[in-house]
PDB file of N, CA and C in Angstrom:
ATOM      1  N   MET A   1    -120.024 -40.134  -2.090  1.00  0.00           N
ATOM      2  CA  MET A   1    -121.027 -39.928  -3.188  1.00  0.00           C
ATOM      3  C   MET A   1    -121.606 -38.940  -3.308  1.00  0.00           C
ATOM      4  N   SER A   2    -121.750 -38.668  -4.361  1.00  0.00           N
ATOM      5  CA  SER A   2    -122.424 -37.070  -5.244  1.00  0.00           C
ATOM      6  C   SER A   2    -123.748 -36.831  -4.630  1.00  0.00           C
ATOM      7  N   ASP A   3    -124.616 -35.643  -4.763  1.00  0.00           N
ATOM      8  CA  ASP A   3    -125.873 -35.449  -3.888  1.00  0.00           C
ATOM      9  C   ASP A   3    -126.455 -35.801  -5.362  1.00  0.00           C
ATOM     10  N   LYS A   4    -126.673 -36.419  -6.451  1.00  0.00           N
ATOM     11  CA  LYS A   4    -127.683 -37.252  -6.942  1.00  0.00           C
ATOM     12  C   LYS A   4    -128.202 -38.184  -6.697  1.00  0.00           C
ATOM     13  N   LYS A   5    -129.331 -38.587  -6.655  1.00  0.00           N
ATOM     14  CA  LYS A   5    -130.220 -39.525  -6.261  1.00  0.00           C
ATOM     15  C   LYS A   5    -129.789 -40.698  -7.063  1.00  0.00           C
ATOM     16  N   ILE A   6    -130.062 -41.755  -6.473  1.00  0.00           N
ATOM     17  CA  ILE A   6    -129.836 -43.190  -6.635  1.00  0.00           C
ATOM     18  C   ILE A   6    -131.187 -43.305  -7.389  1.00  0.00           C
ATOM     19  N   ILE A   7    -130.777 -43.909  -8.554  1.00  0.00           N
ATOM     20  CA  ILE A   7    -132.352 -44.948  -9.052  1.00  0.00           C
ATOM     21  C   ILE A   7    -131.567 -46.235 -10.050  1.00  0.00           C
ATOM     22  N   THR A   8    -132.083 -47.133  -8.999  1.00  0.00           N
ATOM     23  CA  THR A   8    -131.890 -48.512 -10.187  1.00  0.00           C
ATOM     24  C   THR A   8    -133.104 -49.054 -10.579  1.00  0.00           C
ATOM     25  N   ARG A   9    -132.982 -50.337 -11.769  1.00  0.00           N
ATOM     26  CA  ARG A   9    -133.925 -50.792 -11.975  1.00  0.00           C
ATOM     27  C   ARG A   9    -133.940 -52.170 -12.505  1.00  0.00           C
ATOM     28  N   PHE A  10    -134.849 -52.790 -12.258  1.00  0.00           N
ATOM     29  CA  PHE A  10    -134.625 -54.382 -13.116  1.00  0.00           C
ATOM     30  C   PHE A  10    -136.118 -54.607 -13.976  1.00  0.00           C
ATOM     31  N   ALA A  11    -135.217 -55.052 -15.009  1.00  0.00           N
ATOM     32  CA  ALA A  11    -136.484 -55.129 -16.534  1.00  0.00           C
ATOM     33  C   ALA A  11    -136.400 -56.819 -17.168  1.00  0.00           C
ATOM     34  N   PRO A  12    -137.214 -57.378 -16.109  1.00  0.00           N
ATOM     35  CA  PRO A  12    -136.830 -58.945 -16.983  1.00  0.00           C
ATOM     36  C   PRO A  12    -137.713 -58.998 -17.741  1.00  0.00           C
ATOM     37  N   SER A  13    -137.869 -59.881 -18.709  1.00  0.00           N
ATOM     38  CA  SER A  13    -138.603 -60.172 -19.755  1.00  0.00           C
ATOM     39  C   SER A  13    -138.897 -61.335 -19.646  1.00  0.00           C
ATOM     40  N   PRO A  14    -140.315 -61.048 -19.799  1.00  0.00           N
ATOM     41  CA  PRO A  14    -141.863 -62.333 -19.553  1.00  0.00           C
ATOM     42  C   PRO A  14    -141.775 -62.907 -20.456  1.00  0.00           C
ATOM     43  N   THR A  15    -140.871 -63.700 -21.031  1.00  0.00           N
ATOM     44  CA  THR A  15    -141.096 -64.588 -22.406  1.00  0.00           C
ATOM     45  C   THR A  15    -140.802 -66.143 -21.475  1.00  0.00           C
ATOM     46  N   GLY A  16    -140.712 -66.159 -20.233  1.00  0.00           N
ATOM     47  CA  GLY A  16    -140.197 -67.639 -19.937  1.00  0.00           C
ATOM     48  C   GLY A  16    -140.573 -67.268 -18.074  1.00  0.00           C
ATOM     49  N   HIS A  17    -140.294 -68.800 -17.482  1.00  0.00           N
ATOM     50  CA  HIS A  17    -140.320 -69.112 -16.256  1.00  0.00           C
ATOM     51  C   HIS A  17    -139.023 -68.240 -15.450  1.00  0.00           C
ATOM     52  N   PHE A  18    -139.056 -67.647 -14.327  1.00  0.00           N
ATOM     53  CA  PHE A  18    -138.360 -66.747 -14.151  1.00  0.00           C
ATOM     54  C   PHE A  18    -137.207 -67.473 -13.370  1.00  0.00           C
ATOM     55  N   HIS A  19    -135.863 -67.134 -12.973  1.00  0.00           N
ATOM     56  CA  HIS A  19    -135.405 -67.863 -12.786  1.00  0.00           C
ATOM     57  C   HIS A  19    -134.224 -67.436 -11.760  1.00  0.00           C
ATOM     58  N   VAL A  20    -133.190 -68.053 -10.569  1.00  0.00           N
ATOM     59  CA  VAL A  20    -132.737 -67.489  -9.376  1.00  0.00           C
ATOM     60  C   VAL A  20    -131.751 -66.494  -9.700  1.00  0.00           C
ATOM     61  N   GLY A  21    -130.994 -66.216 -10.811  1.00  0.00           N
ATOM     62  CA  GLY A  21    -129.850 -65.478 -11.640  1.00  0.00           C
ATOM     63  C   GLY A  21    -130.774 -64.097 -11.520  1.00  0.00           C
ATOM     64  N   GLY A  22    -131.734 -64.157 -11.977  1.00  0.00           N
ATOM     65  CA  GLY A  22    -132.677 -62.819 -11.962  1.00  0.00           C
ATOM     66  C   GLY A  22    -132.995 -62.242 -10.793  1.00  0.00           C
ATOM     67  N   ILE A  23    -133.422 -62.964 -10.032  1.00  0.00           N
ATOM     68  CA  ILE A  23    -133.804 -62.743  -8.405  1.00  0.00           C
ATOM     69  C   ILE A  23    -132.594 -62.124  -7.744  1.00  0.00           C
ATOM     70  N   ARG A  24    -131.670 -63.133  -7.924  1.00  0.00           N
ATOM     71  CA  ARG A  24    -130.061 -62.240  -7.708  1.00  0.00           C
ATOM     72  C   ARG A  24    -130.215 -60.791  -7.972  1.00  0.00           C
ATOM     73  N   SER A  25    -130.039 -60.613  -9.097  1.00  0.00           N
ATOM     74  CA  SER A  25    -129.855 -59.441  -9.966  1.00  0.00           C
ATOM     75  C   SER A  25    -130.932 -58.315  -9.436  1.00  0.00           C
ATOM     76  N   ALA A  26    -131.937 -58.630  -9.177  1.00  0.00           N
ATOM     77  CA  ALA A  26    -133.369 -57.674  -8.684  1.00  0.00           C
ATOM     78  C   ALA A  26    -132.406 -57.586  -7.352  1.00  0.00           C
ATOM     79  N   LEU A  27    -132.313 -58.589  -6.484  1.00  0.00           N
ATOM     80  CA  LEU A  27    -131.907 -58.063  -5.263  1.00  0.00           C
ATOM     81  C   LEU A  27    -130.909 -57.065  -4.806  1.00  0.00           C
ATOM     82  N   PHE A  28    -129.718 -57.532  -5.773  1.00  0.00           N
ATOM     83  CA  PHE A  28    -128.606 -56.576  -6.058  1.00  0.00           C
ATOM     84  C   PHE A  28    -129.228 -54.874  -5.996  1.00  0.00           C
ATOM     85  N   ASN A  29    -130.193 -54.663  -6.968  1.00  0.00           N
ATOM     86  CA  ASN A  29    -130.208 -53.561  -7.540  1.00  0.00           C
ATOM     87  C   ASN A  29    -131.285 -52.863  -6.302  1.00  0.00           C
ATOM     88  N   PHE A  30    -132.290 -53.747  -5.551  1.00  0.00           N
ATOM     89  CA  PHE A  30    -133.187 -53.146  -4.858  1.00  0.00           C
ATOM     90  C   PHE A  30    -132.233 -53.141  -3.563  1.00  0.00           C
ATOM     91  N   LEU A  31    -131.312 -53.407  -3.341  1.00  0.00           N
ATOM     92  CA  LEU A  31    -130.593 -53.047  -1.237  1.00  0.00           C
ATOM     93  C   LEU A  31    -129.742 -51.954  -1.787  1.00  0.00           C
ATOM     94  N   PHE A  32    -128.906 -51.913  -2.883  1.00  0.00           N
ATOM     95  CA  PHE A  32    -128.263 -50.955  -3.486  1.00  0.00           C
ATOM     96  C   PHE A  32    -128.940 -49.666  -3.436  1.00  0.00           C
ATOM     97  N   ALA A  33    -130.442 -49.685  -4.176  1.00  0.00           N
ATOM     98  CA  ALA A  33    -131.231 -48.281  -3.821  1.00  0.00           C
ATOM     99  C   ALA A  33    -131.932 -48.116  -2.433  1.00  0.00           C
ATOM    100  N   ARG A  34    -132.022 -49.122  -1.404  1.00  0.00           N
ATOM    101  CA  ARG A  34    -132.487 -48.949  -0.589  1.00  0.00           C
ATOM    102  C   ARG A  34    -131.627 -48.706   0.510  1.00  0.00           C
ATOM    103  N   GLN A  35    -130.579 -48.736   0.860  1.00  0.00           N
ATOM    104  CA  GLN A  35    -129.170 -48.583   1.137  1.00  0.00           C
ATOM    105  C   GLN A  35    -128.741 -47.036   0.966  1.00  0.00           C
ATOM    106  N   ASN A  36    -129.263 -46.519  -0.101  1.00  0.00           N
ATOM    107  CA  ASN A  36    -128.664 -44.982  -0.588  1.00  0.00           C
ATOM    108  C   ASN A  36    -129.773 -43.988  -0.231  1.00  0.00           C
ATOM    109  N   GLY A  37    -130.943 -44.614   0.062  1.00  0.00           N
ATOM    110  CA  GLY A  37    -132.462 -43.596  -0.080  1.00  0.00           C
ATOM    111  C   GLY A  37    -132.470 -43.312  -1.228  1.00  0.00           C
ATOM    112  N   GLY A  38    -132.408 -44.409  -2.716  1.00  0.00           N
ATOM    113  CA  GLY A  38    -132.965 -44.014  -4.012  1.00  0.00           C
ATOM    114  C   GLY A  38    -134.098 -44.398  -3.955  1.00  0.00           C
ATOM    115  N   THR A  39    -134.817 -44.836  -5.520  1.00  0.00           N
ATOM    116  CA  THR A  39    -135.450 -45.245  -6.221  1.00  0.00           C
ATOM    117  C   THR A  39    -134.983 -46.607  -6.700  1.00  0.00           C
ATOM    118  N   TYR A  40    -136.051 -47.765  -6.394  1.00  0.00           N
ATOM    119  CA  TYR A  40    -136.017 -49.028  -7.191  1.00  0.00           C
ATOM    120  C   TYR A  40    -137.015 -49.021  -8.311  1.00  0.00           C
ATOM    121  N   ILE A  41    -137.011 -49.405  -9.683  1.00  0.00           N
ATOM    122  CA  ILE A  41    -137.761 -49.225 -10.221  1.00  0.00           C
ATOM    123  C   ILE A  41    -137.915 -50.878 -10.836  1.00  0.00           C
ATOM    124  N   LEU A  42    -139.115 -51.171 -11.212  1.00  0.00           N
ATOM    125  CA  LEU A  42    -139.355 -52.467 -12.221  1.00  0.00           C
ATOM    126  C   LEU A  42    -139.859 -52.260 -13.552  1.00  0.00           C
ATOM    127  N   ARG A  43    -139.663 -52.649 -14.233  1.00  0.00           N
ATOM    128  CA  ARG A  43    -139.549 -52.628 -15.784  1.00  0.00           C
ATOM    129  C   ARG A  43    -140.012 -53.725 -16.761  1.00  0.00           C
ATOM    130  N   SER A  44    -141.167 -54.046 -16.888  1.00  0.00           N
ATOM    131  CA  SER A  44    -141.392 -55.212 -17.666  1.00  0.00           C
ATOM    132  C   SER A  44    -140.840 -54.972 -19.106  1.00  0.00           C
ATOM    133  N   GLU A  45    -140.153 -56.066 -19.328  1.00  0.00           N
ATOM    134  CA  GLU A  45    -139.311 -55.748 -20.601  1.00  0.00           C
ATOM    135  C   GLU A  45    -140.185 -56.442 -21.672  1.00  0.00           C
ATOM    136  N   ASP A  46    -141.838 -56.174 -22.103  1.00  0.00           N
ATOM    137  CA  ASP A  46    -142.546 -57.038 -22.815  1.00  0.00           C
ATOM    138  C   ASP A  46    -142.610 -56.583 -24.307  1.00  0.00           C
ATOM    139  N   THR A  47    -141.555 -56.101 -24.765  1.00  0.00           N
ATOM    140  CA  THR A  47    -141.451 -55.690 -26.107  1.00  0.00           C
ATOM    141  C   THR A  47    -141.651 -56.610 -27.362  1.00  0.00           C
ATOM    142  N   ASP A  48    -141.414 -57.773 -26.789  1.00  0.00           N
ATOM    143  CA  ASP A  48    -141.234 -59.224 -27.715  1.00  0.00           C
ATOM    144  C   ASP A  48    -142.692 -59.723 -28.001  1.00  0.00           C
ATOM    145  N   LYS A  49    -143.126 -59.193 -28.497  1.00  0.00           N
ATOM    146  CA  LYS A  49    -144.547 -59.519 -28.801  1.00  0.00           C
ATOM    147  C   LYS A  49    -145.028 -60.875 -28.873  1.00  0.00           C
ATOM    148  N   GLU A  50    -144.270 -61.505 -29.268  1.00  0.00           N
ATOM    149  CA  GLU A  50    -144.503 -63.215 -30.156  1.00  0.00           C
ATOM    150  C   GLU A  50    -144.172 -63.787 -28.635  1.00  0.00           C
ATOM    151  N   ARG A  51    -143.048 -63.608 -27.884  1.00  0.00           N
ATOM    152  CA  ARG A  51    -142.941 -64.732 -26.889  1.00  0.00           C
ATOM    153  C   ARG A  51    -143.436 -63.814 -24.856  1.00  0.00           C
ATOM    154  N   SER A  52    -143.511 -62.524 -25.361  1.00  0.00           N
ATOM    155  CA  SER A  52    -144.244 -61.569 -24.147  1.00  0.00           C
ATOM    156  C   SER A  52    -145.480 -62.751 -23.194  1.00  0.00           C
ATOM    157  N   LYS A  53    -145.506 -62.757 -22.229  1.00  0.00           N
ATOM    158  CA  LYS A  53    -147.004 -63.847 -21.786  1.00  0.00           C
ATOM    159  C   LYS A  53    -146.792 -62.941 -20.685  1.00  0.00           C
ATOM    160  N   LYS A  54    -148.699 -62.728 -20.601  1.00  0.00           N
ATOM    161  CA  LYS A  54    -148.876 -61.824 -19.316  1.00  0.00           C
ATOM    162  C   LYS A  54    -148.773 -62.813 -18.000  1.00  0.00           C
ATOM    163  N   GLU A  55    -148.589 -64.474 -18.347  1.00  0.00           N
ATOM    164  CA  GLU A  55    -148.677 -65.081 -16.974  1.00  0.00           C
ATOM    165  C   GLU A  55    -147.000 -65.401 -16.658  1.00  0.00           C
ATOM    166  N   TYR A  56    -146.364 -64.958 -17.997  1.00  0.00           N
ATOM    167  CA  TYR A  56    -144.760 -64.577 -17.055  1.00  0.00           C
ATOM    168  C   TYR A  56    -144.343 -63.775 -16.109  1.00  0.00           C
ATOM    169  N   GLU A  57    -145.060 -62.369 -16.251  1.00  0.00           N
ATOM    170  CA  GLU A  57    -145.310 -61.131 -15.770  1.00  0.00           C
ATOM    171  C   GLU A  57    -145.911 -61.281 -14.694  1.00  0.00           C
ATOM    172  N   ASP A  58    -147.088 -61.971 -14.327  1.00  0.00           N
ATOM    173  CA  ASP A  58    -147.865 -62.177 -13.122  1.00  0.00           C
ATOM    174  C   ASP A  58    -146.832 -63.054 -12.373  1.00  0.00           C
ATOM    175  N   GLU A  59    -146.126 -63.725 -12.770  1.00  0.00           N
ATOM    176  CA  GLU A  59    -145.458 -64.689 -12.167  1.00  0.00           C
ATOM    177  C   GLU A  59    -144.084 -64.262 -11.332  1.00  0.00           C
ATOM    178  N   PHE A  60    -143.439 -62.873 -12.075  1.00  0.00           N
ATOM    179  CA  PHE A  60    -142.606 -62.639 -11.094  1.00  0.00           C
ATOM    180  C   PHE A  60    -143.136 -61.408 -10.536  1.00  0.00           C
ATOM    181  N   LEU A  61    -144.181 -60.733 -11.141  1.00  0.00           N
ATOM    182  CA  LEU A  61    -144.515 -59.896  -9.904  1.00  0.00           C
ATOM    183  C   LEU A  61    -145.230 -60.401  -8.401  1.00  0.00           C
ATOM    184  N   LYS A  62    -145.875 -61.949  -8.411  1.00  0.00           N
ATOM    185  CA  LYS A  62    -145.858 -62.537  -7.086  1.00  0.00           C
ATOM    186  C   LYS A  62    -144.492 -63.038  -6.612  1.00  0.00           C
ATOM    187  N   LEU A  63    -143.661 -63.396  -7.311  1.00  0.00           N
ATOM    188  CA  LEU A  63    -142.446 -63.994  -6.782  1.00  0.00           C
ATOM    189  C   LEU A  63    -141.677 -62.123  -6.128  1.00  0.00           C
ATOM    190  N   PHE A  64    -141.939 -61.597  -6.744  1.00  0.00           N
ATOM    191  CA  PHE A  64    -141.183 -60.182  -6.124  1.00  0.00           C
ATOM    192  C   PHE A  64    -141.736 -59.765  -4.602  1.00  0.00           C
ATOM    193  N   ASP A  65    -143.367 -59.983  -4.660  1.00  0.00           N
ATOM    194  CA  ASP A  65    -144.148 -59.475  -3.594  1.00  0.00           C
ATOM    195  C   ASP A  65    -143.826 -60.787  -2.905  1.00  0.00           C
ATOM    196  N   TRP A  66    -143.786 -61.892  -3.079  1.00  0.00           N
ATOM    197  CA  TRP A  66    -143.450 -62.546  -1.873  1.00  0.00           C
ATOM    198  C   TRP A  66    -142.347 -62.771  -0.941  1.00  0.00           C
ATOM    199  N   LEU A  67    -141.048 -61.817  -1.652  1.00  0.00           N
ATOM    200  CA  LEU A  67    -139.475 -61.890  -1.244  1.00  0.00           C
ATOM    201  C   LEU A  67    -139.482 -60.742  -0.733  1.00  0.00           C
ATOM    202  N   HIS A  68    -140.535 -59.565  -0.814  1.00  0.00           N
ATOM    203  CA  HIS A  68    -140.664 -58.378  -0.251  1.00  0.00           C
ATOM    204  C   HIS A  68    -139.752 -57.382  -0.623  1.00  0.00           C
ATOM    205  N   LEU A  69    -139.611 -57.803  -1.930  1.00  0.00           N
ATOM    206  CA  LEU A  69    -138.464 -56.205  -2.973  1.00  0.00           C
ATOM    207  C   LEU A  69    -139.820 -55.566  -3.699  1.00  0.00           C
ATOM    208  N   LYS A  70    -140.009 -54.811  -2.906  1.00  0.00           N
ATOM    209  CA  LYS A  70    -141.187 -53.677  -3.570  1.00  0.00           C
ATOM    210  C   LYS A  70    -140.617 -52.670  -4.149  1.00  0.00           C
ATOM    211  N   HIS A  71    -141.183 -52.619  -5.413  1.00  0.00           N
ATOM    212  CA  HIS A  71    -140.598 -51.608  -5.971  1.00  0.00           C
ATOM    213  C   HIS A  71    -141.462 -50.243  -6.011  1.00  0.00           C
ATOM    214  N   ASP A  72    -140.674 -49.191  -6.512  1.00  0.00           N
ATOM    215  CA  ASP A  72    -141.150 -47.995  -6.111  1.00  0.00           C
ATOM    216  C   ASP A  72    -141.564 -47.361  -7.649  1.00  0.00           C
ATOM    217  N   LEU A  73    -141.723 -47.691  -8.456  1.00  0.00           N
ATOM    218  CA  LEU A  73    -142.484 -47.487  -9.548  1.00  0.00           C
ATOM    219  C   LEU A  73    -142.511 -49.109 -10.389  1.00  0.00           C
ATOM    220  N   PHE A  74    -143.275 -48.762 -11.668  1.00  0.00           N
ATOM    221  CA  PHE A  74    -143.852 -50.032 -12.370  1.00  0.00           C
ATOM    222  C   PHE A  74    -144.009 -49.138 -13.795  1.00  0.00           C
ATOM    223  N   PHE A  75    -143.134 -50.279 -14.928  1.00  0.00           N
ATOM    224  CA  PHE A  75    -143.596 -49.483 -16.044  1.00  0.00           C
ATOM    225  C   PHE A  75    -143.660 -51.192 -17.045  1.00  0.00           C
ATOM    226  N   ARG A  76    -144.482 -50.627 -17.988  1.00  0.00           N
ATOM    227  CA  ARG A  76    -144.167 -51.879 -19.069  1.00  0.00           C
ATOM    228  C   ARG A  76    -143.532 -51.228 -20.253  1.00  0.00           C
ATOM    229  N   GLN A  77    -142.358 -51.776 -20.802  1.00  0.00           N
ATOM    230  CA  GLN A  77    -142.000 -51.135 -21.670  1.00  0.00           C
ATOM    231  C   GLN A  77    -142.826 -50.696 -22.667  1.00  0.00           C
ATOM    232  N   SER A  78    -143.750 -51.764 -23.136  1.00  0.00           N
ATOM    233  CA  SER A  78    -144.281 -51.440 -24.408  1.00  0.00           C
ATOM    234  C   SER A  78    -145.969 -50.686 -24.524  1.00  0.00           C
ATOM    235  N   ASP A  79    -145.954 -49.793 -22.929  1.00  0.00           N
ATOM    236  CA  ASP A  79    -146.734 -48.770 -22.516  1.00  0.00           C
ATOM    237  C   ASP A  79    -146.041 -47.312 -22.813  1.00  0.00           C
ATOM    238  N   ARG A  80    -144.820 -47.400 -23.076  1.00  0.00           N
ATOM    239  CA  ARG A  80    -144.096 -46.435 -23.165  1.00  0.00           C
ATOM    240  C   ARG A  80    -143.417 -46.189 -24.487  1.00  0.00           C
ATOM    241  N   LEU A  81    -144.298 -46.854 -25.493  1.00  0.00           N
ATOM    242  CA  LEU A  81    -143.419 -47.027 -26.653  1.00  0.00           C
ATOM    243  C   LEU A  81    -143.952 -45.235 -27.541  1.00  0.00           C
ATOM    244  N   GLU A  82    -145.154 -45.159 -27.288  1.00  0.00           N
ATOM    245  CA  GLU A  82    -145.349 -43.674 -27.692  1.00  0.00           C
ATOM    246  C   GLU A  82    -144.196 -42.433 -27.531  1.00  0.00           C
ATOM    247  N   ILE A  83    -143.847 -42.723 -25.790  1.00  0.00           N
ATOM    248  CA  ILE A  83    -142.848 -41.844 -25.701  1.00  0.00           C
ATOM    249  C   ILE A  83    -141.174 -42.194 -26.720  1.00  0.00           C
ATOM    250  N   HIS A  84    -141.215 -43.021 -26.552  1.00  0.00           N
ATOM    251  CA  HIS A  84    -139.877 -43.669 -27.435  1.00  0.00           C
ATOM    252  C   HIS A  84    -139.817 -42.969 -28.659  1.00  0.00           C
ATOM    253  N   GLN A  85    -141.085 -43.021 -29.484  1.00  0.00           N
ATOM    254  CA  GLN A  85    -141.569 -43.004 -30.877  1.00  0.00           C
ATOM    255  C   GLN A  85    -140.888 -41.471 -30.982  1.00  0.00           C
ATOM    256  N   LYS A  86    -141.829 -40.560 -29.815  1.00  0.00           N
ATOM    257  CA  LYS A  86    -141.167 -39.281 -29.955  1.00  0.00           C
ATOM    258  C   LYS A  86    -140.254 -38.861 -29.746  1.00  0.00           C
ATOM    259  N   TYR A  87    -139.203 -39.313 -29.392  1.00  0.00           N
ATOM    260  CA  TYR A  87    -137.637 -38.897 -28.854  1.00  0.00           C
ATOM    261  C   TYR A  87    -137.025 -39.575 -30.502  1.00  0.00           C
ATOM    262  N   ILE A  88    -137.506 -40.708 -31.113  1.00  0.00           N
ATOM    263  CA  ILE A  88    -137.003 -40.832 -32.301  1.00  0.00           C
ATOM    264  C   ILE A  88    -137.566 -40.112 -33.779  1.00  0.00           C
ATOM    265  N   ARG A  89    -138.700 -39.148 -33.582  1.00  0.00           N
ATOM    266  CA  ARG A  89    -138.620 -38.348 -34.176  1.00  0.00           C
ATOM    267  C   ARG A  89    -138.023 -36.884 -34.480  1.00  0.00           C
ATOM    268  N   LYS A  90    -137.818 -36.690 -32.735  1.00  0.00           N
ATOM    269  CA  LYS A  90    -137.390 -35.709 -32.627  1.00  0.00           C
ATOM    270  C   LYS A  90    -135.533 -35.610 -33.016  1.00  0.00           C
TER     271      LYS A  90
END
């Protein structure tokens, strides 16, 4: 493997109850990052303002905590809108 640092991320949408398929994907990304000394990012894909709900985000955060899938960084996509707009203008 190259000398580049491994960064994985999992980006669930808080638009409904979490399911086992999401846990599987999150686990694979988490384990790959940990096995390679990398960084695991959890990003809430909350840009669908109509359907995104805080209680669904709280649900997956609580579930990941219970499963000990500790993220190194956490972002909400909606909090990064200004960053994306900057690059769109550029």
